[in-house]
Structures are given as structure tokens and as C-alpha cells.
């Protein structure tokens, strides 16, 4: 069951009558704000009741604070979803406008479907990230004792000590650039004179070796120049 905090800006009885059933996927809990210290971390989302013009400023303030404090959903409940203030709420980051004239079950399903869709998307994105990480780790293996790397479990490329140290560093954070000075310190143990020139020669030789040795592999390893920064490792896996 997903708990939703329901906040009315006034002390008057809200136009939306909260009705909860044990079998509902969404359960509303009326929350009273006390100097903005209410803890909303246990709720999957927040519904703010817009009961009139006097609520607009407070609702706008609440939307901005909620969006900064946590990543939960924020909906606005109103008896007139088409009024101009609704557009203001959406521009500030509200996730949707709910019509209080609808049946509570209708509104609960709107909320539930939004949360489920987001959770499914987040789960799929997390799974994809883990799969990509696993694929990357298995696609390039480093063997310090041999000063070599193996691509896709099939193509071994022998390297010089400097070439290996360069790959070793860049592989710790693929697709992230390292500066000339960072690379110089890792490869040679010091920031050498004219690091760009010396490093450029090393990069050129290594690129040539990678291109020549990995042509038959499904894994393509490359070194990308990042202007005014340095270099980063790029890994491409062919289908």
C-alpha cells in the first residue's frame, strides 16, 4: 500500500472527502503542517488541497520546498483544474492536477498508476545500468603481470609499461576524462615537462595498437580526446 500525505491549506472541511479502504493500493493520510517541520519521508507522494485564491501563495511555496527536500510526487487537488493557477503549479514542478469532483477511487488510480509507472521505469533503468556495468567489466580484462589486456575474452593485446598504466587509469572511470597532469602522475610518477607532447605520443602509439589488434574483436576500445581537459576511455560492443 502506498501512503499519500494529504494537506489542506485551510482548517475548513476540504471539498475532497478522503475515503480509505484496506484493499486500496493508495491510502490517504491527512497531515497538518506545523511550521513546515512535518516529516514526509514515509510518504510516496503529497497531495495539496487548493481551496481558493488565498491558498495560491502557500501552495507555490510548498511545491518548491517539497521538490527541494525530497523526490516524491506532488499533486494539487482543486475543484477547477482549468483555472490559471493550475498552470503555475505545473510550471513550479507539480506532477499533476487532480479534480476533487471526481470519485476518490478514480483519483487513487491516477495516483497509483503514476507511481507504478515511475517505479517500473526506475527499476528498468537500474537494471540496465547494472547490465552495462557487468558487460563492461567482462569486456575488458587487465593483467598487470603480463602488461596486457584482453577484449571480449578473446583478443589479448600486449602493452608497454606506460601503455598499460594509461589504460589502467582510464579504465577506473570509463567515459570520464582525466587531465593531462593526472595521467602524467599515474604513468610516470610526476608531472613531466611538456606533458601534452609526451602524452600525445603515447596516446598515438596506443591508439594505433588498439585499432590494429582489436579489428577482429566484438569489443572496440578507443581513446577519446577531451578538448582542454585530457583523455578518456571509450568502449564499444558490437552486436
C-alpha atoms as a PDB file:
ATOM      1  CA  UNK A   1       0.000   0.000   0.000  1.00  0.00           C
ATOM      2  CA  UNK A   2       1.292   3.445  -0.969  1.00  0.00           C
ATOM      3  CA  UNK A   3       0.812   6.168   1.619  1.00  0.00           C
ATOM      4  CA  UNK A   4      -0.062   9.624   0.328  1.00  0.00           C
ATOM      5  CA  UNK A   5       0.089  12.709   2.547  1.00  0.00           C
ATOM      6  CA  UNK A   6      -2.965  14.929   2.125  1.00  0.00           C
ATOM      7  CA  UNK A   7      -2.506  18.562   3.152  1.00  0.00           C
ATOM      8  CA  UNK A   8      -5.302  21.123   3.232  1.00  0.00           C
ATOM      9  CA  UNK A   9      -4.253  24.760   3.384  1.00  0.00           C
ATOM     10  CA  UNK A  10      -7.273  25.761   5.495  1.00  0.00           C
ATOM     11  CA  UNK A  11      -8.958  24.458   8.610  1.00  0.00           C
ATOM     12  CA  UNK A  12     -12.243  24.148   6.779  1.00  0.00           C
ATOM     13  CA  UNK A  13     -13.518  20.760   5.663  1.00  0.00           C
ATOM     14  CA  UNK A  14     -11.894  20.002   2.301  1.00  0.00           C
ATOM     15  CA  UNK A  15     -14.070  19.621  -0.758  1.00  0.00           C
ATOM     16  CA  UNK A  16     -12.484  16.218  -1.314  1.00  0.00           C
ATOM     17  CA  UNK A  17     -13.723  13.667   1.168  1.00  0.00           C
ATOM     18  CA  UNK A  18     -10.939  11.200   1.975  1.00  0.00           C
ATOM     19  CA  UNK A  19     -12.144   7.627   1.811  1.00  0.00           C
ATOM     20  CA  UNK A  20      -9.781   4.774   2.535  1.00  0.00           C
ATOM     21  CA  UNK A  21     -10.329   1.072   2.152  1.00  0.00           C
ATOM     22  CA  UNK A  22      -7.968  -1.679   3.303  1.00  0.00           C
ATOM     23  CA  UNK A  23      -7.849  -3.080  -0.219  1.00  0.00           C
ATOM     24  CA  UNK A  24      -6.904   0.233  -1.860  1.00  0.00           C
ATOM     25  CA  UNK A  25      -3.460   0.437  -3.425  1.00  0.00           C
ATOM     26  CA  UNK A  26      -3.284   4.069  -2.280  1.00  0.00           C
ATOM     27  CA  UNK A  27      -4.025   5.220   1.250  1.00  0.00           C
ATOM     28  CA  UNK A  28      -4.528   8.895   2.124  1.00  0.00           C
ATOM     29  CA  UNK A  29      -3.396  10.299   5.462  1.00  0.00           C
ATOM     30  CA  UNK A  30      -4.353  13.842   6.392  1.00  0.00           C
ATOM     31  CA  UNK A  31      -1.283  15.739   7.548  1.00  0.00           C
ATOM     32  CA  UNK A  32      -1.240  19.028   9.420  1.00  0.00           C
ATOM     33  CA  UNK A  33       1.776  21.193   8.635  1.00  0.00           C
ATOM     34  CA  UNK A  34       3.431  22.642  11.706  1.00  0.00           C
ATOM     35  CA  UNK A  35       5.930  25.335  10.775  1.00  0.00           C
ATOM     36  CA  UNK A  36       6.962  23.218   7.788  1.00  0.00           C
ATOM     37  CA  UNK A  37       8.512  20.641  10.123  1.00  0.00           C
ATOM     38  CA  UNK A  38       6.230  17.769   9.106  1.00  0.00           C
ATOM     39  CA  UNK A  39       8.183  14.646   8.112  1.00  0.00           C
ATOM     40  CA  UNK A  40       7.055  13.452   4.679  1.00  0.00           C
ATOM     41  CA  UNK A  41       9.805  10.900   4.085  1.00  0.00           C
ATOM     42  CA  UNK A  42       7.476   7.960   4.724  1.00  0.00           C
ATOM     43  CA  UNK A  43       5.033   9.012   2.016  1.00  0.00           C
ATOM     44  CA  UNK A  44       5.135   8.081  -1.662  1.00  0.00           C
ATOM     45  CA  UNK A  45       3.639  11.435  -2.584  1.00  0.00           C
ATOM     46  CA  UNK A  46       1.892  14.550  -1.360  1.00  0.00           C
ATOM     47  CA  UNK A  47      -1.490  15.999  -2.345  1.00  0.00           C
ATOM     48  CA  UNK A  48      -2.014  19.710  -1.653  1.00  0.00           C
ATOM     49  CA  UNK A  49      -5.605  20.914  -1.482  1.00  0.00           C
ATOM     50  CA  UNK A  50      -6.281  24.183  -3.313  1.00  0.00           C
ATOM     51  CA  UNK A  51      -9.473  25.545  -1.750  1.00  0.00           C
ATOM     52  CA  UNK A  52      -9.329  29.090  -3.084  1.00  0.00           C
ATOM     53  CA  UNK A  53      -7.315  32.130  -4.126  1.00  0.00           C
ATOM     54  CA  UNK A  54      -5.868  32.594  -0.645  1.00  0.00           C
ATOM     55  CA  UNK A  55      -4.085  29.228  -0.955  1.00  0.00           C
ATOM     56  CA  UNK A  56      -2.062  30.017  -4.106  1.00  0.00           C
ATOM     57  CA  UNK A  57       0.982  31.600  -2.456  1.00  0.00           C
ATOM     58  CA  UNK A  58       1.235  28.907   0.219  1.00  0.00           C
ATOM     59  CA  UNK A  59       0.839  26.085  -2.312  1.00  0.00           C
ATOM     60  CA  UNK A  60       3.524  27.569  -4.561  1.00  0.00           C
ATOM     61  CA  UNK A  61       5.863  27.808  -1.580  1.00  0.00           C
ATOM     62  CA  UNK A  62       5.100  24.227  -0.554  1.00  0.00           C
ATOM     63  CA  UNK A  63       5.745  22.870  -4.063  1.00  0.00           C
ATOM     64  CA  UNK A  64       9.182  24.477  -4.186  1.00  0.00           C
ATOM     65  CA  UNK A  65      10.102  23.255  -0.713  1.00  0.00           C
ATOM     66  CA  UNK A  66       8.899  19.716  -1.367  1.00  0.00           C
ATOM     67  CA  UNK A  67      10.794  19.497  -4.649  1.00  0.00           C
ATOM     68  CA  UNK A  68      13.999  20.602  -2.923  1.00  0.00           C
ATOM     69  CA  UNK A  69      13.592  18.390   0.113  1.00  0.00           C
ATOM     70  CA  UNK A  70      12.586  15.085  -1.479  1.00  0.00           C
ATOM     71  CA  UNK A  71      11.843  13.499  -4.804  1.00  0.00           C
ATOM     72  CA  UNK A  72       8.302  12.305  -4.051  1.00  0.00           C
ATOM     73  CA  UNK A  73       5.347  13.135  -6.272  1.00  0.00           C
ATOM     74  CA  UNK A  74       3.397  16.346  -5.646  1.00  0.00           C
ATOM     75  CA  UNK A  75      -0.190  16.702  -6.844  1.00  0.00           C
ATOM     76  CA  UNK A  76      -2.621  19.601  -6.488  1.00  0.00           C
ATOM     77  CA  UNK A  77      -6.273  18.894  -5.678  1.00  0.00           C
ATOM     78  CA  UNK A  78      -8.752  21.516  -6.927  1.00  0.00           C
ATOM     79  CA  UNK A  79     -12.400  21.753  -7.886  1.00  0.00           C
ATOM     80  CA  UNK A  80     -11.425  23.686 -11.041  1.00  0.00           C
ATOM     81  CA  UNK A  81      -8.417  22.062 -12.794  1.00  0.00           C
ATOM     82  CA  UNK A  82      -8.554  24.565 -15.676  1.00  0.00           C
ATOM     83  CA  UNK A  83      -8.057  27.742 -13.666  1.00  0.00           C
ATOM     84  CA  UNK A  84      -4.897  29.771 -14.325  1.00  0.00           C
ATOM     85  CA  UNK A  85      -3.211  28.874 -11.043  1.00  0.00           C
ATOM     86  CA  UNK A  86      -3.055  25.213 -12.146  1.00  0.00           C
ATOM     87  CA  UNK A  87      -0.600  26.124 -14.895  1.00  0.00           C
ATOM     88  CA  UNK A  88       1.521  27.997 -12.356  1.00  0.00           C
ATOM     89  CA  UNK A  89       1.655  24.899 -10.150  1.00  0.00           C
ATOM     90  CA  UNK A  90       2.748  22.707 -13.069  1.00  0.00           C
ATOM     91  CA  UNK A  91       5.488  25.147 -14.058  1.00  0.00           C
ATOM     92  CA  UNK A  92       6.799  25.071 -10.487  1.00  0.00           C
ATOM     93  CA  UNK A  93       7.107  21.286 -10.636  1.00  0.00           C
ATOM     94  CA  UNK A  94       3.771  19.794  -9.585  1.00  0.00           C
ATOM     95  CA  UNK A  95       3.313  16.345 -11.135  1.00  0.00           C
ATOM     96  CA  UNK A  96      -0.369  16.763 -11.887  1.00  0.00           C
ATOM     97  CA  UNK A  97      -3.668  18.487 -11.164  1.00  0.00           C
ATOM     98  CA  UNK A  98      -6.414  16.349  -9.595  1.00  0.00           C
ATOM     99  CA  UNK A  99     -10.104  17.163  -9.925  1.00  0.00           C
ATOM    100  CA  UNK A 100     -11.772  16.950  -6.498  1.00  0.00           C
ATOM    101  CA  UNK A 101     -15.143  16.498  -8.226  1.00  0.00           C
ATOM    102  CA  UNK A 102     -14.080  13.002  -9.340  1.00  0.00           C
ATOM    103  CA  UNK A 103     -14.726   9.911  -7.275  1.00  0.00           C
ATOM    104  CA  UNK A 104     -11.979   9.117  -4.769  1.00  0.00           C
ATOM    105  CA  UNK A 105     -11.351   5.743  -6.427  1.00  0.00           C
ATOM    106  CA  UNK A 106     -10.762   7.476  -9.767  1.00  0.00           C
ATOM    107  CA  UNK A 107      -8.210   9.803  -8.174  1.00  0.00           C
ATOM    108  CA  UNK A 108      -6.467   6.982  -6.338  1.00  0.00           C
ATOM    109  CA  UNK A 109      -5.992   5.058  -9.571  1.00  0.00           C
ATOM    110  CA  UNK A 110      -4.496   8.150 -11.224  1.00  0.00           C
ATOM    111  CA  UNK A 111      -2.002   8.434  -8.389  1.00  0.00           C
ATOM    112  CA  UNK A 112      -1.280   4.710  -8.233  1.00  0.00           C
ATOM    113  CA  UNK A 113      -0.633   4.417 -11.986  1.00  0.00           C
ATOM    114  CA  UNK A 114       1.793   7.349 -11.927  1.00  0.00           C
ATOM    115  CA  UNK A 115       3.784   5.862  -9.048  1.00  0.00           C
ATOM    116  CA  UNK A 116       3.855   2.363 -10.553  1.00  0.00           C
ATOM    117  CA  UNK A 117       4.984   3.692 -13.931  1.00  0.00           C
ATOM    118  CA  UNK A 118       7.801   5.651 -12.278  1.00  0.00           C
ATOM    119  CA  UNK A 119       8.875   2.652 -10.180  1.00  0.00           C
ATOM    120  CA  UNK A 120       8.904   0.408 -13.250  1.00  0.00           C
ATOM    121  CA  UNK A 121      10.986   2.954 -15.152  1.00  0.00           C
ATOM    122  CA  UNK A 122      13.428   3.396 -12.246  1.00  0.00           C
ATOM    123  CA  UNK A 123      13.760  -0.375 -11.860  1.00  0.00           C
ATOM    124  CA  UNK A 124      14.387  -0.847 -15.589  1.00  0.00           C
ATOM    125  CA  UNK A 125      16.956   1.964 -15.612  1.00  0.00           C
ATOM    126  CA  UNK A 126      18.752   0.478 -12.603  1.00  0.00           C
ATOM    127  CA  UNK A 127      18.761  -2.978 -14.192  1.00  0.00           C
ATOM    128  CA  UNK A 128      20.113  -1.552 -17.429  1.00  0.00           C
ATOM    129  CA  UNK A 129      22.895   0.251 -15.572  1.00  0.00           C
ATOM    130  CA  UNK A 130      23.899  -2.927 -13.752  1.00  0.00           C
ATOM    131  CA  UNK A 131      23.840  -4.911 -17.005  1.00  0.00           C
ATOM    132  CA  UNK A 132      26.006  -2.315 -18.727  1.00  0.00           C
ATOM    133  CA  UNK A 133      28.433  -2.316 -15.815  1.00  0.00           C
ATOM    134  CA  UNK A 134      28.635  -6.112 -15.846  1.00  0.00           C
ATOM    135  CA  UNK A 135      29.101  -6.153 -19.625  1.00  0.00           C
ATOM    136  CA  UNK A 136      31.856  -3.562 -19.427  1.00  0.00           C
ATOM    137  CA  UNK A 137      33.689  -5.416 -16.689  1.00  0.00           C
ATOM    138  CA  UNK A 138      33.612  -8.663 -18.645  1.00  0.00           C
ATOM    139  CA  UNK A 139      34.516  -6.956 -21.927  1.00  0.00           C
ATOM    140  CA  UNK A 140      37.917  -5.681 -20.862  1.00  0.00           C
ATOM    141  CA  UNK A 141      40.227  -7.538 -18.507  1.00  0.00           C
ATOM    142  CA  UNK A 142      43.558  -6.234 -17.289  1.00  0.00           C
ATOM    143  CA  UNK A 143      46.514  -8.483 -16.500  1.00  0.00           C
ATOM    144  CA  UNK A 144      49.239  -6.464 -14.741  1.00  0.00           C
ATOM    145  CA  UNK A 145      51.616  -9.417 -14.510  1.00  0.00           C
ATOM    146  CA  UNK A 146      51.580  -9.704 -18.314  1.00  0.00           C
ATOM    147  CA  UNK A 147      51.219  -5.984 -19.056  1.00  0.00           C
ATOM    148  CA  UNK A 148      48.308  -6.895 -21.319  1.00  0.00           C
ATOM    149  CA  UNK A 149      44.552  -6.516 -21.708  1.00  0.00           C
ATOM    150  CA  UNK A 150      42.003  -8.963 -23.084  1.00  0.00           C
ATOM    151  CA  UNK A 151      38.980  -7.687 -25.011  1.00  0.00           C
ATOM    152  CA  UNK A 152      35.776  -9.711 -25.060  1.00  0.00           C
ATOM    153  CA  UNK A 153      37.544 -12.682 -23.521  1.00  0.00           C
ATOM    154  CA  UNK A 154      39.232 -13.456 -26.825  1.00  0.00           C
ATOM    155  CA  UNK A 155      41.680 -10.812 -28.028  1.00  0.00           C
ATOM    156  CA  UNK A 156      44.825 -10.212 -25.980  1.00  0.00           C
ATOM    157  CA  UNK A 157      46.769  -7.031 -26.574  1.00  0.00           C
ATOM    158  CA  UNK A 158      50.298  -6.746 -25.224  1.00  0.00           C
ATOM    159  CA  UNK A 159      51.289  -3.312 -23.983  1.00  0.00           C
ATOM    160  CA  UNK A 160      54.334  -1.445 -22.809  1.00  0.00           C
ATOM    161  CA  UNK A 161      54.508  -0.434 -19.152  1.00  0.00           C
ATOM    162  CA  UNK A 162      53.437   3.146 -19.945  1.00  0.00           C
ATOM    163  CA  UNK A 163      50.592   1.997 -22.200  1.00  0.00           C
ATOM    164  CA  UNK A 164      49.321  -0.384 -19.549  1.00  0.00           C
ATOM    165  CA  UNK A 165      49.409   2.271 -16.823  1.00  0.00           C
ATOM    166  CA  UNK A 166      47.447   4.611 -19.077  1.00  0.00           C
ATOM    167  CA  UNK A 167      44.724   2.022 -19.759  1.00  0.00           C
ATOM    168  CA  UNK A 168      44.706   1.058 -16.083  1.00  0.00           C
ATOM    169  CA  UNK A 169      43.919   4.615 -15.009  1.00  0.00           C
ATOM    170  CA  UNK A 170      41.356   5.438 -17.691  1.00  0.00           C
ATOM    171  CA  UNK A 171      39.540   2.146 -17.105  1.00  0.00           C
ATOM    172  CA  UNK A 172      38.799   3.043 -13.471  1.00  0.00           C
ATOM    173  CA  UNK A 173      36.234   5.584 -14.715  1.00  0.00           C
ATOM    174  CA  UNK A 174      35.268   4.889 -18.339  1.00  0.00           C
ATOM    175  CA  UNK A 175      33.693   7.782 -20.243  1.00  0.00           C
ATOM    176  CA  UNK A 176      35.154  10.267 -17.783  1.00  0.00           C
ATOM    177  CA  UNK A 177      38.058  12.473 -18.756  1.00  0.00           C
ATOM    178  CA  UNK A 178      41.323  12.563 -16.846  1.00  0.00           C
ATOM    179  CA  UNK A 179      43.533  15.624 -17.055  1.00  0.00           C
ATOM    180  CA  UNK A 180      46.987  15.637 -18.608  1.00  0.00           C
ATOM    181  CA  UNK A 181      48.509  16.132 -15.155  1.00  0.00           C
ATOM    182  CA  UNK A 182      46.538  13.246 -13.575  1.00  0.00           C
ATOM    183  CA  UNK A 183      47.599  10.883 -16.342  1.00  0.00           C
ATOM    184  CA  UNK A 184      51.204  12.061 -16.206  1.00  0.00           C
ATOM    185  CA  UNK A 185      51.393  11.420 -12.458  1.00  0.00           C
ATOM    186  CA  UNK A 186      49.937   7.918 -12.803  1.00  0.00           C
ATOM    187  CA  UNK A 187      52.032   6.874 -15.796  1.00  0.00           C
ATOM    188  CA  UNK A 188      55.392   8.466 -14.955  1.00  0.00           C
ATOM    189  CA  UNK A 189      55.036   9.312 -11.264  1.00  0.00           C
ATOM    190  CA  UNK A 190      55.488  13.021 -11.893  1.00  0.00           C
ATOM    191  CA  UNK A 191      54.123  15.893 -13.906  1.00  0.00           C
ATOM    192  CA  UNK A 192      56.639  15.848 -16.727  1.00  0.00           C
ATOM    193  CA  UNK A 193      57.716  18.803 -18.804  1.00  0.00           C
ATOM    194  CA  UNK A 194      55.542  19.366 -21.857  1.00  0.00           C
ATOM    195  CA  UNK A 195      53.068  16.671 -20.661  1.00  0.00           C
ATOM    196  CA  UNK A 196      50.767  17.220 -23.632  1.00  0.00           C
ATOM    197  CA  UNK A 197      53.525  16.465 -26.119  1.00  0.00           C
ATOM    198  CA  UNK A 198      54.860  13.372 -24.356  1.00  0.00           C
ATOM    199  CA  UNK A 199      51.406  12.090 -23.580  1.00  0.00           C
ATOM    200  CA  UNK A 200      50.264  12.807 -27.131  1.00  0.00           C
ATOM    201  CA  UNK A 201      52.957  10.496 -28.487  1.00  0.00           C
ATOM    202  CA  UNK A 202      51.917   7.762 -26.040  1.00  0.00           C
ATOM    203  CA  UNK A 203      48.261   8.154 -26.997  1.00  0.00           C
ATOM    204  CA  UNK A 204      49.104   8.000 -30.703  1.00  0.00           C
ATOM    205  CA  UNK A 205      51.061   4.756 -30.348  1.00  0.00           C
ATOM    206  CA  UNK A 206      48.386   3.158 -28.160  1.00  0.00           C
ATOM    207  CA  UNK A 207      45.551   4.153 -30.488  1.00  0.00           C
ATOM    208  CA  UNK A 208      47.389   2.586 -33.403  1.00  0.00           C
ATOM    209  CA  UNK A 209      47.960  -0.631 -31.456  1.00  0.00           C
ATOM    210  CA  UNK A 210      44.342  -0.860 -30.301  1.00  0.00           C
ATOM    211  CA  UNK A 211      42.997  -0.254 -33.801  1.00  0.00           C
ATOM    212  CA  UNK A 212      45.306  -2.883 -35.285  1.00  0.00           C
ATOM    213  CA  UNK A 213      44.816  -5.559 -32.630  1.00  0.00           C
ATOM    214  CA  UNK A 214      41.081  -5.252 -31.946  1.00  0.00           C
ATOM    215  CA  UNK A 215      39.721  -5.262 -35.507  1.00  0.00           C
ATOM    216  CA  UNK A 216      38.568  -8.873 -35.175  1.00  0.00           C
ATOM    217  CA  UNK A 217      37.074  -8.432 -31.710  1.00  0.00           C
ATOM    218  CA  UNK A 218      33.456  -7.570 -30.970  1.00  0.00           C
ATOM    219  CA  UNK A 219      34.802  -5.150 -28.376  1.00  0.00           C
ATOM    220  CA  UNK A 220      36.252  -1.913 -29.688  1.00  0.00           C
ATOM    221  CA  UNK A 221      38.394   0.094 -27.288  1.00  0.00           C
ATOM    222  CA  UNK A 222      39.223   3.709 -28.046  1.00  0.00           C
ATOM    223  CA  UNK A 223      40.864   6.765 -26.519  1.00  0.00           C
ATOM    224  CA  UNK A 224      38.917   9.991 -26.912  1.00  0.00           C
ATOM    225  CA  UNK A 225      40.470  13.435 -26.681  1.00  0.00           C
ATOM    226  CA  UNK A 226      38.531  15.843 -24.468  1.00  0.00           C
ATOM    227  CA  UNK A 227      39.448  19.357 -25.527  1.00  0.00           C
ATOM    228  CA  UNK A 228      41.250  21.449 -22.898  1.00  0.00           C
ATOM    229  CA  UNK A 229      40.927  18.588 -20.407  1.00  0.00           C
ATOM    230  CA  UNK A 230      42.695  15.354 -21.313  1.00  0.00           C
ATOM    231  CA  UNK A 231      41.622  11.878 -22.404  1.00  0.00           C
ATOM    232  CA  UNK A 232      39.012   9.250 -21.610  1.00  0.00           C
ATOM    233  CA  UNK A 233      38.436   5.593 -22.399  1.00  0.00           C
ATOM    234  CA  UNK A 234      35.565   4.635 -24.741  1.00  0.00           C
ATOM    235  CA  UNK A 235      34.279   1.098 -25.040  1.00  0.00           C
ATOM    236  CA  UNK A 236      32.001  -0.048 -27.858  1.00  0.00           C
ATOM    237  CA  UNK A 237      30.467  -3.501 -28.041  1.00  0.00           C
ATOM    238  CA  UNK A 238      29.367  -4.758 -31.457  1.00  0.00           C
ATOM    239  CA  UNK A 239      26.213  -6.842 -31.767  1.00  0.00           C
END
